Amino acid sequence: MSDKTKTDKSKKKKAAAKGMADIQEPTLDAPAEDTAPDSADSPAADAGSSAPTPDAASDDAVGVAPAAQPTAPQIGIQSQYVKDLSFENPGAPGSLVASADAPDIQINVEVQARLLQNESYEVSLHITASGKNGQTTLFMLDLTYGAVCRVVGVPKESLQPVLLVECPRMLFPFARRVLSDATRDGGFPPLMLNPIDFLSLYRQQQKNQTAPAKTDA
């Protein structure tokens, strides 16, 4: 074997050894570099975060109007006032002299209601009171106490009881105070009305309206 042949074999062995040195498996101390794109920066992640899901789609997105909620009945007083007040003390000062006999007190109450505009009504309490001692009139009082009531969401068939029962119940304490102040300012003990059963009063009015009129034979 010639020297040239030995030299060629030696070069081939060195080239093979160099090739093996270049192809080495990664070790724990030198991990292979992760070439996968960051999920936060990838276009796929952005597309996934912005695309709406079926569960997240709103009624507005698909053009469906939300179901209408039923309106709960509402009754409120917008304003209240003394519409008319009259107090007479015809026997003063003699009527103010203390008497052993308790005076005879007569009370009459009427309720009226009328439409003002859409959903607004005027409700009035008309109260008359008189005090007598035998045939002597001590005082006479006439009060009309009114209020503007707003009634919303009440069925038509229930509107009249609301106006003639529920609204007067709310007005009564204020009308009662006016009566008390008027009789006190007139020189008499304050007239304190007992609570009024407006439901019974309403039923009685309905009964009187439906009762047939009497005719003479």
Protein backbone atom coordinates (compact mmCIF):
# COMPACT_ATOMS: atom_id res chain seq x y z
CA MET A 1 0.00 0.00 0.00
CA SER A 2 1.32 3.32 -1.04
CA ASP A 3 1.63 6.40 1.13
CA LYS A 4 -1.00 8.15 -0.99
CA THR A 5 -3.52 5.43 -0.24
CA LYS A 6 -2.80 5.65 3.48
CA THR A 7 -3.20 9.41 3.36
CA ASP A 8 -6.61 9.14 1.62
CA LYS A 9 -7.87 6.63 4.24
CA SER A 10 -6.70 8.85 7.05
CA LYS A 11 -8.58 11.86 5.57
CA LYS A 12 -11.79 9.79 5.25
CA LYS A 13 -11.58 8.69 8.91
CA LYS A 14 -11.10 12.30 10.07
CA ALA A 15 -14.05 13.48 7.95
CA ALA A 16 -16.26 10.74 9.37
CA ALA A 17 -15.23 11.62 12.93
CA LYS A 18 -15.98 15.32 12.27
CA GLY A 19 -19.42 14.43 10.89
CA MET A 20 -20.23 12.38 13.98
CA ALA A 21 -19.13 15.26 16.19
CA ASP A 22 -21.54 17.62 14.42
CA ILE A 23 -24.57 15.31 14.89
CA GLN A 24 -24.94 15.14 18.68
CA GLU A 25 -28.15 14.57 20.64
CA PRO A 26 -29.22 17.37 22.97
CA THR A 27 -28.49 16.93 26.68
CA LEU A 28 -30.28 18.13 29.83
CA ASP A 29 -27.75 20.94 30.26
CA ALA A 30 -28.36 22.21 26.77
CA PRO A 31 -32.13 21.72 25.92
CA ALA A 32 -33.26 22.10 22.39
CA GLU A 33 -34.71 25.54 21.62
CA ASP A 34 -38.54 25.57 21.49
CA THR A 35 -39.47 26.90 18.12
CA ALA A 36 -43.30 26.82 18.72
CA PRO A 37 -44.86 30.33 18.57
CA ASP A 38 -46.08 31.89 21.84
CA SER A 39 -49.81 31.27 22.23
CA ALA A 40 -50.34 34.84 23.46
CA ASP A 41 -48.71 36.32 20.33
CA SER A 42 -50.01 33.88 17.79
CA PRO A 43 -52.67 34.95 15.28
CA ALA A 44 -54.73 31.87 16.15
CA ALA A 45 -54.94 32.90 19.82
CA ASP A 46 -56.03 36.43 18.89
CA ALA A 47 -58.64 35.11 16.55
CA GLY A 48 -59.98 32.76 19.20
CA SER A 49 -60.25 35.47 21.86
CA SER A 50 -62.18 37.89 19.64
CA ALA A 51 -64.60 35.47 18.03
CA PRO A 52 -68.01 35.36 19.87
CA THR A 53 -69.22 32.03 21.14
CA PRO A 54 -72.82 30.85 20.77
CA ASP A 55 -73.35 31.10 24.56
CA ALA A 56 -72.08 34.67 24.68
CA ALA A 57 -74.29 35.91 21.84
CA SER A 58 -76.87 38.39 23.09
CA ASP A 59 -80.48 38.82 22.00
CA ASP A 60 -79.54 42.10 20.34
CA ALA A 61 -76.84 40.36 18.22
CA VAL A 62 -79.37 37.95 16.70
CA GLY A 63 -82.15 40.56 16.48
CA VAL A 64 -84.46 39.11 19.15
CA ALA A 65 -86.30 41.70 21.29
CA PRO A 66 -86.33 40.99 25.05
CA ALA A 67 -89.63 39.89 26.54
CA ALA A 68 -91.70 42.78 27.93
CA GLN A 69 -92.03 42.75 31.71
CA PRO A 70 -95.56 43.25 33.10
CA THR A 71 -96.10 46.61 34.77
CA ALA A 72 -96.84 46.33 38.50
CA PRO A 73 -99.83 48.40 39.72
CA GLN A 74 -98.77 51.77 41.12
CA ILE A 75 -100.86 54.24 43.14
CA GLY A 76 -99.33 57.56 44.12
CA ILE A 77 -100.41 61.00 45.30
CA GLN A 78 -98.95 63.78 43.18
CA SER A 79 -100.47 66.66 45.16
CA GLN A 80 -103.07 67.24 47.88
CA TYR A 81 -104.91 70.35 49.00
CA VAL A 82 -107.84 71.91 50.84
CA LYS A 83 -110.31 72.62 48.05
CA ASP A 84 -113.03 74.13 50.22
CA LEU A 85 -113.29 74.80 53.96
CA SER A 86 -116.07 76.47 55.86
CA PHE A 87 -116.47 76.75 59.63
CA GLU A 88 -119.35 78.51 61.37
CA ASN A 89 -119.72 79.23 65.05
CA PRO A 90 -123.11 80.99 65.10
CA GLY A 91 -123.67 80.90 68.86
CA ALA A 92 -120.31 82.33 69.96
CA PRO A 93 -119.46 83.33 72.59
CA GLY A 94 -122.40 81.68 74.36
CA SER A 95 -121.82 78.38 72.57
CA LEU A 96 -118.32 78.21 74.06
CA VAL A 97 -119.59 78.06 77.63
CA ALA A 98 -118.97 74.61 79.08
CA SER A 99 -122.07 72.45 79.33
CA ALA A 100 -122.71 69.36 81.40
CA ASP A 101 -124.25 67.62 78.43
CA ALA A 102 -122.04 66.23 75.69
CA PRO A 103 -122.81 67.78 72.30
CA ASP A 104 -124.45 65.71 69.57
CA ILE A 105 -121.94 65.36 66.72
CA GLN A 106 -123.12 64.44 63.24
CA ILE A 107 -120.64 63.39 60.55
CA ASN A 108 -121.25 62.74 56.86
CA VAL A 109 -118.60 61.57 54.39
CA GLU A 110 -118.73 61.36 50.60
CA VAL A 111 -116.04 60.31 48.13
CA GLN A 112 -115.82 61.57 44.56
CA ALA A 113 -113.37 60.91 41.74
CA ARG A 114 -112.95 62.29 38.23
CA LEU A 115 -110.47 61.85 35.39
CA LEU A 116 -108.03 64.71 34.84
CA GLN A 117 -105.81 63.25 32.12
CA ASN A 118 -104.30 59.93 31.20
CA GLU A 119 -103.66 57.94 34.43
CA SER A 120 -104.26 61.02 36.64
CA TYR A 121 -107.44 61.48 38.69
CA GLU A 122 -108.77 63.96 41.23
CA VAL A 123 -110.11 62.24 44.35
CA SER A 124 -112.07 64.36 46.84
CA LEU A 125 -113.22 63.72 50.38
CA HIS A 126 -116.29 65.80 51.22
CA ILE A 127 -116.83 65.81 54.98
CA THR A 128 -119.51 67.73 56.82
CA ALA A 129 -119.69 67.90 60.61
CA SER A 130 -122.04 69.65 62.98
CA GLY A 131 -122.35 69.90 66.75
CA LYS A 132 -125.56 70.62 68.58
CA ASN A 133 -126.58 71.00 72.18
CA GLY A 134 -130.27 70.31 72.19
CA GLN A 135 -131.74 72.74 69.64
CA THR A 136 -128.71 75.01 69.78
CA THR A 137 -126.19 74.69 66.97
CA LEU A 138 -122.66 74.87 68.32
CA PHE A 139 -120.73 74.69 65.07
CA MET A 140 -120.97 73.65 61.43
CA LEU A 141 -118.01 72.52 59.38
CA ASP A 142 -117.78 71.75 55.68
CA LEU A 143 -114.53 70.43 54.20
CA THR A 144 -113.60 69.25 50.73
CA TYR A 145 -110.10 67.77 50.75
CA GLY A 146 -108.71 66.78 47.36
CA ALA A 147 -105.70 65.13 45.79
CA VAL A 148 -104.34 64.32 42.37
CA CYS A 149 -103.71 60.58 42.27
CA ARG A 150 -101.75 58.77 39.58
CA VAL A 151 -102.91 55.21 38.97
CA VAL A 152 -100.79 53.00 36.69
CA GLY A 153 -101.15 49.35 35.75
CA VAL A 154 -104.56 48.82 37.39
CA PRO A 155 -107.11 46.78 35.38
CA LYS A 156 -110.15 48.72 34.24
CA GLU A 157 -112.52 46.66 36.36
CA SER A 158 -110.51 47.46 39.50
CA LEU A 159 -110.06 51.18 38.82
CA GLN A 160 -113.20 52.39 40.57
CA PRO A 161 -112.48 50.57 43.88
CA VAL A 162 -108.94 51.95 43.81
CA LEU A 163 -110.16 55.52 43.36
CA LEU A 164 -113.00 55.30 45.87
CA VAL A 165 -111.39 53.06 48.51
CA GLU A 166 -107.58 52.99 48.37
CA CYS A 167 -106.99 56.67 47.53
CA PRO A 168 -109.38 57.95 50.26
CA ARG A 169 -107.57 55.77 52.78
CA MET A 170 -104.36 57.61 52.00
CA LEU A 171 -106.05 61.02 52.18
CA PHE A 172 -108.02 60.50 55.38
CA PRO A 173 -105.26 61.23 57.95
CA PHE A 174 -104.61 64.63 56.34
CA ALA A 175 -108.30 65.55 56.12
CA ARG A 176 -108.75 64.47 59.72
CA ARG A 177 -106.00 66.85 60.83
CA VAL A 178 -107.69 69.76 59.03
CA LEU A 179 -110.97 69.03 60.83
CA SER A 180 -109.19 68.82 64.17
CA ASP A 181 -107.40 72.14 63.66
CA ALA A 182 -110.56 73.91 62.45
CA THR A 183 -112.69 72.93 65.46
CA ARG A 184 -109.86 73.75 67.86
CA ASP A 185 -109.32 77.15 66.27
CA GLY A 186 -113.09 77.70 66.53
CA GLY A 187 -112.88 77.44 70.32
CA PHE A 188 -114.03 73.82 70.70
CA PRO A 189 -112.17 70.68 71.66
CA PRO A 190 -110.45 69.18 68.58
CA LEU A 191 -112.78 66.95 66.59
CA MET A 192 -110.96 63.64 66.14
CA LEU A 193 -112.69 61.42 63.61
CA ASN A 194 -112.53 57.67 64.04
CA PRO A 195 -111.06 55.71 61.11
CA ILE A 196 -113.55 55.31 58.27
CA ASP A 197 -114.24 52.00 56.56
CA PHE A 198 -114.13 53.22 52.97
CA LEU A 199 -114.78 49.73 51.60
CA SER A 200 -118.13 49.53 53.40
CA LEU A 201 -118.89 53.09 52.29
CA TYR A 202 -118.13 52.14 48.67
CA ARG A 203 -120.35 49.05 48.86
CA GLN A 204 -123.17 51.11 50.31
CA GLN A 205 -122.87 53.66 47.51
CA GLN A 206 -122.92 50.87 44.91
CA LYS A 207 -126.00 49.39 46.56
CA ASN A 208 -127.79 52.74 46.53
CA GLN A 209 -126.98 53.25 42.85
CA THR A 210 -128.28 49.83 41.82
CA ALA A 211 -131.42 49.92 43.99
CA PRO A 212 -134.59 50.54 41.93
CA ALA A 213 -136.19 53.90 42.47
CA LYS A 214 -139.47 53.87 44.39
CA THR A 215 -142.50 55.29 42.65
CA ASP A 216 -145.82 56.33 44.10
CA ALA A 217 -148.68 53.98 43.31
